[in-house]
Amino acid sequence: MSSGVSEPRVRRALVTGISGQDGHYLAGQLIDDGIEVFGLTRSDAPVAAGVQALRGDLRDASSLRRAIDACRPDQIYNLAAATFVPGSWENPGEVEDVNGGGVERLIDAIRACGLPIRLCHASSAEIFGPPSGKPQDEHTELAPASPYARGKARAHRAIAAAREEHGLFACSAILFNHESPRRPTRFVTRKIAMAVARIHRGLGDHVTLGSLEASRDWGYAPEYVAAMRDMLAAPQPADYVVATGRSATVADFARLAFASVGLEWRRHIRFDASLARPGDSLARIGDPSRIAKDLGWRATTSLEDLVRIMVDADLVLLDKW
């Protein structure tokens, strides 16, 4: 028999890019907290256990409206994007439309539904352009230098306009490099981790890399999606740099990865100049002091631990094959 007291509605979150690295970790965290998770997907590919799939595409405004109407979420996390920066030159118009226009269409769909939805968009340090070697923060000028970055910068501006002109709870998480065993092997960190695992198992003898001096601010992906959750739980919306505040070179990453299995890294590295990119020698470093001050978020996983996590996961993966 009903007591006459209505039960609070289970919170709901809609996640675009649900099948990617960040979507995987975010969905798990939300489900663990009792939040009903809906994942926007363009295909019939399976989604993680506990996630309810909804068909939709950032390029299709009507599909976004239908998805929002179907699940009526409290929160939306926009993680969907064309994510591989070098590959963005192959189809620049489509990349800019997905990364930028897709966010504009998502904002329009939120405004049209009339629900008090909180939106967090996964922005990128690439919006700042080539690294200067100095820490970059929320006030760093936008200077995108690739189709990927131009789309992300367009989205970043759209989020600010949605917040400041339309009163939406909308924020951008300016994510610096964040890695995990879920990274595709086309990314240098996972490429190194998998190569180390293969060499350790006797399945190879070297890995081919571009600039060893390329320096990035590398963090652990599960912590970065937790930062996005903190942003949507805050009293007021704001954009935040999400980073460790430290940088390391590709050589540092490789050295730690090979050392984790007792190998000397220099013996197993091959260099290919075609894999290097302009500006690789300059350090990209984020300044996370604002998110630490306002929300208490800090990256806690060291680079050594991150590398070990990735190599160990690939060793386990190889043993399953």
Protein backbone atom coordinates (compact mmCIF):
# COMPACT_ATOMS: atom_id res chain seq x y z
CA MET A 1 0.00 0.00 0.00
CA SER A 2 1.30 3.46 -0.87
CA SER A 3 2.17 5.75 2.02
CA GLY A 4 1.04 8.74 0.02
CA VAL A 5 4.57 10.15 -0.01
CA SER A 6 6.07 10.28 -3.47
CA GLU A 7 9.49 8.73 -3.89
CA PRO A 8 12.19 11.00 -5.31
CA ARG A 9 12.77 10.39 -9.00
CA VAL A 10 15.94 8.52 -9.82
CA ARG A 11 18.40 10.97 -11.35
CA ARG A 12 19.10 10.51 -15.03
CA ALA A 13 22.13 11.33 -17.14
CA LEU A 14 22.49 11.35 -20.91
CA VAL A 15 26.05 10.73 -22.13
CA THR A 16 27.16 11.29 -25.70
CA GLY A 17 30.31 9.47 -26.76
CA ILE A 18 29.32 6.66 -24.40
CA SER A 19 31.54 4.09 -26.16
CA GLY A 20 34.77 6.04 -25.76
CA GLN A 21 37.35 6.00 -23.00
CA ASP A 22 35.70 8.75 -20.95
CA GLY A 23 32.20 7.43 -21.56
CA HIS A 24 33.22 4.05 -20.18
CA TYR A 25 34.55 5.46 -16.92
CA LEU A 26 31.84 8.08 -16.53
CA ALA A 27 29.02 5.57 -17.01
CA GLY A 28 30.51 3.31 -14.36
CA GLN A 29 30.80 6.11 -11.84
CA LEU A 30 27.26 7.34 -12.45
CA ILE A 31 25.76 3.86 -12.20
CA ASP A 32 27.65 3.24 -8.96
CA ASP A 33 25.96 6.36 -7.58
CA GLY A 34 22.50 5.13 -8.49
CA ILE A 35 22.07 7.40 -11.51
CA GLU A 36 20.16 6.03 -14.50
CA VAL A 37 22.46 6.32 -17.51
CA PHE A 38 21.42 6.72 -21.13
CA GLY A 39 24.05 6.60 -23.85
CA LEU A 40 23.68 8.31 -27.20
CA THR A 41 24.95 6.07 -29.97
CA ARG A 42 24.94 6.26 -33.76
CA SER A 43 24.87 2.51 -34.29
CA ASP A 44 23.63 -0.74 -32.80
CA ALA A 45 27.02 -1.40 -31.23
CA PRO A 46 26.70 -2.72 -27.66
CA VAL A 47 27.03 -0.31 -24.76
CA ALA A 48 28.29 -0.99 -21.26
CA ALA A 49 26.17 -3.03 -18.86
CA GLY A 50 23.63 -0.85 -17.10
CA VAL A 51 23.53 1.77 -19.87
CA GLN A 52 20.37 2.28 -21.89
CA ALA A 53 21.20 3.04 -25.51
CA LEU A 54 19.43 5.78 -27.44
CA ARG A 55 19.99 6.37 -31.15
CA GLY A 56 21.23 9.81 -32.00
CA ASP A 57 23.91 11.83 -33.73
CA LEU A 58 25.37 15.26 -32.98
CA ARG A 59 24.98 16.01 -36.69
CA ASP A 60 21.21 15.41 -36.52
CA ALA A 61 19.31 18.01 -34.47
CA SER A 62 16.03 16.09 -34.51
CA SER A 63 17.70 12.96 -33.09
CA LEU A 64 19.06 15.01 -30.19
CA ARG A 65 15.60 16.35 -29.39
CA ARG A 66 14.12 12.86 -29.54
CA ALA A 67 16.79 11.47 -27.22
CA ILE A 68 16.24 14.20 -24.65
CA ASP A 69 12.47 13.74 -24.82
CA ALA A 70 12.89 9.98 -24.39
CA CYS A 71 14.99 10.06 -21.22
CA ARG A 72 14.32 13.54 -19.77
CA PRO A 73 17.73 13.77 -18.14
CA ASP A 74 18.87 15.95 -15.25
CA GLN A 75 22.41 16.00 -16.62
CA ILE A 76 24.02 15.75 -20.04
CA TYR A 77 27.69 15.02 -20.56
CA ASN A 78 28.86 15.73 -24.08
CA LEU A 79 31.88 13.50 -24.68
CA ALA A 80 31.27 12.79 -28.36
CA ALA A 81 33.83 14.19 -30.78
CA ALA A 82 36.18 13.38 -33.59
CA THR A 83 39.04 12.87 -31.17
CA PHE A 84 42.27 12.13 -33.06
CA VAL A 85 43.92 15.51 -33.72
CA PRO A 86 46.29 14.53 -36.59
CA GLY A 87 43.47 12.75 -38.40
CA SER A 88 41.24 15.83 -38.30
CA TRP A 89 42.92 17.19 -41.44
CA GLU A 90 41.53 14.31 -43.50
CA ASN A 91 37.95 15.61 -43.32
CA PRO A 92 38.14 19.06 -41.70
CA GLY A 93 34.60 20.19 -42.47
CA GLU A 94 32.99 17.16 -40.87
CA VAL A 95 35.29 17.31 -37.85
CA GLU A 96 34.50 20.96 -37.21
CA ASP A 97 30.78 20.31 -37.64
CA VAL A 98 30.76 17.41 -35.18
CA ASN A 99 33.01 19.05 -32.58
CA GLY A 100 31.50 22.51 -32.86
CA GLY A 101 28.15 22.48 -34.62
CA GLY A 102 27.12 19.36 -32.73
CA VAL A 103 27.38 21.22 -29.44
CA GLU A 104 25.36 24.12 -30.80
CA ARG A 105 22.63 21.71 -31.85
CA LEU A 106 22.73 20.02 -28.44
CA ILE A 107 22.31 23.38 -26.70
CA ASP A 108 19.35 24.21 -28.97
CA ALA A 109 17.74 20.87 -28.09
CA ILE A 110 18.16 21.55 -24.37
CA ARG A 111 16.63 25.00 -24.71
CA ALA A 112 13.71 23.62 -26.72
CA CYS A 113 12.80 20.93 -24.17
CA GLY A 114 12.40 23.41 -21.31
CA LEU A 115 13.91 21.09 -18.68
CA PRO A 116 16.44 22.35 -16.10
CA ILE A 117 19.23 20.21 -17.56
CA ARG A 118 22.82 20.70 -16.48
CA LEU A 119 25.30 20.35 -19.35
CA CYS A 120 29.01 19.58 -19.16
CA HIS A 121 30.97 19.66 -22.40
CA ALA A 122 34.35 17.94 -22.78
CA SER A 123 36.52 20.69 -24.19
CA SER A 124 40.23 20.31 -24.90
CA ALA A 125 43.56 21.98 -24.26
CA GLU A 126 43.93 22.03 -28.05
CA ILE A 127 41.71 25.14 -28.09
CA PHE A 128 44.74 27.10 -26.88
CA GLY A 129 46.77 26.24 -29.95
CA PRO A 130 50.43 25.20 -29.99
CA PRO A 131 51.86 24.96 -26.47
CA SER A 132 53.96 27.86 -25.26
CA GLY A 133 55.72 26.01 -22.46
CA LYS A 134 53.83 28.13 -19.93
CA PRO A 135 50.88 26.82 -17.89
CA GLN A 136 47.55 27.45 -19.59
CA ASP A 137 44.47 28.40 -17.60
CA GLU A 138 40.87 29.51 -18.12
CA HIS A 139 42.02 32.95 -19.26
CA THR A 140 44.46 31.74 -21.91
CA GLU A 141 43.53 33.09 -25.34
CA LEU A 142 41.94 30.62 -27.73
CA ALA A 143 44.17 30.01 -30.76
CA PRO A 144 43.05 26.70 -32.33
CA ALA A 145 45.45 25.35 -34.94
CA SER A 146 43.68 22.26 -36.35
CA PRO A 147 40.18 21.38 -37.54
CA TYR A 148 39.73 19.37 -34.33
CA ALA A 149 40.73 22.37 -32.23
CA ARG A 150 38.66 24.85 -34.25
CA GLY A 151 35.57 22.73 -33.67
CA LYS A 152 36.33 22.48 -29.95
CA ALA A 153 36.88 26.25 -29.74
CA ARG A 154 33.56 26.86 -31.48
CA ALA A 155 31.87 24.59 -28.94
CA HIS A 156 33.67 26.29 -26.06
CA ARG A 157 32.29 29.66 -27.14
CA ALA A 158 28.81 28.18 -27.60
CA ILE A 159 28.86 26.85 -24.03
CA ALA A 160 29.83 30.27 -22.68
CA ALA A 161 27.02 31.90 -24.67
CA ALA A 162 24.49 29.33 -23.44
CA ARG A 163 25.46 30.15 -19.88
CA GLU A 164 25.81 33.91 -20.14
CA GLU A 165 23.10 34.78 -22.68
CA HIS A 166 20.49 32.05 -22.14
CA GLY A 167 20.94 31.23 -18.46
CA LEU A 168 21.65 27.52 -18.94
CA PHE A 169 23.74 25.59 -16.44
CA ALA A 170 26.44 24.88 -19.02
CA CYS A 171 30.16 24.44 -18.51
CA SER A 172 33.25 23.31 -20.36
CA ALA A 173 35.82 20.97 -18.85
CA ILE A 174 39.05 21.98 -20.58
CA LEU A 175 40.64 18.56 -20.47
CA PHE A 176 44.38 18.17 -20.86
CA ASN A 177 45.74 14.79 -21.95
CA HIS A 178 44.20 12.00 -19.91
CA GLU A 179 45.05 8.38 -20.46
CA SER A 180 44.02 4.88 -19.43
CA PRO A 181 44.00 1.28 -20.71
CA ARG A 182 40.88 2.29 -22.65
CA ARG A 183 42.88 4.58 -24.98
CA PRO A 184 43.06 3.38 -28.61
CA THR A 185 46.56 2.33 -29.67
CA ARG A 186 46.81 5.20 -32.17
CA PHE A 187 47.49 7.46 -29.16
CA VAL A 188 51.17 7.49 -28.23
CA THR A 189 50.70 6.54 -24.56
CA ARG A 190 48.71 3.40 -25.34
CA LYS A 191 50.96 2.66 -28.30
CA ILE A 192 53.93 2.58 -25.92
CA ALA A 193 52.11 0.59 -23.25
CA MET A 194 51.00 -2.09 -25.71
CA ALA A 195 54.45 -2.26 -27.33
CA VAL A 196 56.09 -2.76 -23.93
CA ALA A 197 53.65 -5.54 -23.10
CA ARG A 198 54.28 -7.24 -26.45
CA ILE A 199 58.06 -6.96 -26.14
CA HIS A 200 57.92 -8.31 -22.60
CA ARG A 201 55.88 -11.28 -23.84
CA GLY A 202 58.34 -11.91 -26.70
CA LEU A 203 55.91 -10.73 -29.40
CA GLY A 204 58.03 -7.85 -30.69
CA ASP A 205 61.31 -6.03 -30.19
CA HIS A 206 60.71 -2.30 -30.72
CA VAL A 207 58.23 0.57 -30.95
CA THR A 208 58.43 3.35 -33.54
CA LEU A 209 57.82 6.88 -32.23
CA GLY A 210 57.99 10.48 -33.41
CA SER A 211 59.51 13.21 -31.28
CA LEU A 212 60.69 11.88 -27.95
CA GLU A 213 60.82 15.44 -26.63
CA ALA A 214 57.09 16.09 -27.09
CA SER A 215 55.93 17.07 -23.62
CA ARG A 216 52.38 16.83 -22.32
CA ASP A 217 50.41 17.12 -19.09
CA TRP A 218 49.22 13.51 -18.68
CA GLY A 219 46.59 12.46 -16.13
CA TYR A 220 44.39 9.45 -15.39
CA ALA A 221 41.06 9.41 -17.23
CA PRO A 222 38.78 8.21 -14.38
CA GLU A 223 39.86 11.21 -12.30
CA TYR A 224 39.10 13.59 -15.16
CA VAL A 225 35.53 12.38 -15.64
CA ALA A 226 35.09 12.69 -11.86
CA ALA A 227 36.06 16.35 -12.28
CA MET A 228 33.27 16.77 -14.81
CA ARG A 229 30.82 15.32 -12.30
CA ASP A 230 32.07 17.77 -9.68
CA MET A 231 31.43 20.60 -12.14
CA LEU A 232 27.78 19.63 -12.57
CA ALA A 233 27.34 19.29 -8.80
CA ALA A 234 28.64 22.82 -8.18
CA PRO A 235 26.28 25.65 -7.15
CA GLN A 236 27.15 27.69 -10.23
CA PRO A 237 28.36 26.74 -13.72
CA ALA A 238 31.88 27.66 -14.76
CA ASP A 239 34.59 26.50 -17.13
CA TYR A 240 37.61 24.76 -15.62
CA VAL A 241 41.00 23.54 -16.74
CA VAL A 242 41.36 19.88 -15.74
CA ALA A 243 45.03 18.93 -15.58
CA THR A 244 47.81 17.73 -13.29
CA GLY A 245 49.92 20.89 -13.53
CA ARG A 246 52.96 18.78 -14.48
CA SER A 247 54.37 17.77 -17.84
CA ALA A 248 56.50 14.86 -19.00
CA THR A 249 58.04 13.93 -22.33
CA VAL A 250 57.33 10.94 -24.52
CA ALA A 251 60.80 9.77 -23.55
CA ASP A 252 59.81 9.95 -19.87
CA PHE A 253 56.69 7.90 -20.55
CA ALA A 254 58.64 5.31 -22.54
CA ARG A 255 61.37 5.06 -19.91
CA LEU A 256 58.84 4.45 -17.14
CA ALA A 257 56.88 1.96 -19.24
CA PHE A 258 59.91 -0.18 -20.11
CA ALA A 259 61.27 0.10 -16.57
CA SER A 260 58.00 -1.30 -15.21
CA VAL A 261 58.89 -4.65 -16.80
CA GLY A 262 62.63 -4.41 -16.19
CA LEU A 263 63.70 -3.36 -19.71
CA GLU A 264 66.07 -0.61 -20.89
CA TRP A 265 63.92 1.63 -23.05
CA ARG A 266 66.60 2.93 -25.45
CA ARG A 267 67.19 -0.56 -26.82
CA HIS A 268 63.63 -0.83 -28.09
CA ILE A 269 62.91 2.61 -29.60
CA ARG A 270 62.91 3.43 -33.31
CA PHE A 271 62.46 6.99 -34.60
CA ASP A 272 60.27 8.06 -37.52
CA ALA A 273 60.36 11.78 -38.33
CA SER A 274 57.03 11.54 -40.17
CA LEU A 275 55.29 10.88 -36.84
CA ALA A 276 56.51 14.15 -35.30
CA ARG A 277 54.32 17.25 -35.33
CA PRO A 278 55.29 20.95 -35.33
CA GLY A 279 55.56 22.31 -31.80
CA ASP A 280 56.08 18.87 -30.28
CA SER A 281 59.19 20.03 -28.47
CA LEU A 282 57.25 22.61 -26.45
CA ALA A 283 55.61 21.58 -23.18
CA ARG A 284 51.83 21.72 -22.80
CA ILE A 285 50.96 22.24 -19.14
CA GLY A 286 47.60 23.01 -17.55
CA ASP A 287 47.04 25.15 -14.49
CA PRO A 288 44.33 23.43 -12.41
CA SER A 289 44.44 25.90 -9.52
CA ARG A 290 40.92 27.23 -10.18
CA ILE A 291 39.18 23.85 -10.00
CA ALA A 292 41.24 22.96 -6.93
CA LYS A 293 40.19 26.19 -5.19
CA ASP A 294 36.51 26.15 -6.21
CA LEU A 295 35.67 22.44 -6.22
CA GLY A 296 38.51 20.77 -4.32
CA TRP A 297 39.45 18.60 -7.29
CA ARG A 298 43.06 17.48 -7.74
CA ALA A 299 44.72 14.83 -9.86
CA THR A 300 46.13 12.21 -7.52
CA THR A 301 47.50 9.46 -9.78
CA SER A 302 51.21 9.93 -10.47
CA LEU A 303 52.66 9.44 -13.93
CA GLU A 304 54.54 6.39 -12.65
CA ASP A 305 51.31 4.81 -11.42
CA LEU A 306 49.45 5.73 -14.62
CA VAL A 307 52.14 4.08 -16.75
CA ARG A 308 52.11 0.98 -14.58
CA ILE A 309 48.31 0.73 -14.77
CA MET A 310 48.41 0.87 -18.57
CA VAL A 311 51.24 -1.61 -19.06
CA ASP A 312 49.78 -4.08 -16.56
CA ALA A 313 46.39 -3.90 -18.29
CA ASP A 314 47.95 -4.66 -21.67
CA LEU A 315 49.90 -7.58 -20.23
CA VAL A 316 46.62 -9.01 -18.97
CA LEU A 317 44.96 -8.32 -22.32
CA LEU A 318 47.70 -10.16 -24.23
CA ASP A 319 47.37 -13.15 -21.92
CA LYS A 320 43.69 -13.40 -22.85
CA TRP A 321 44.37 -13.52 -26.60
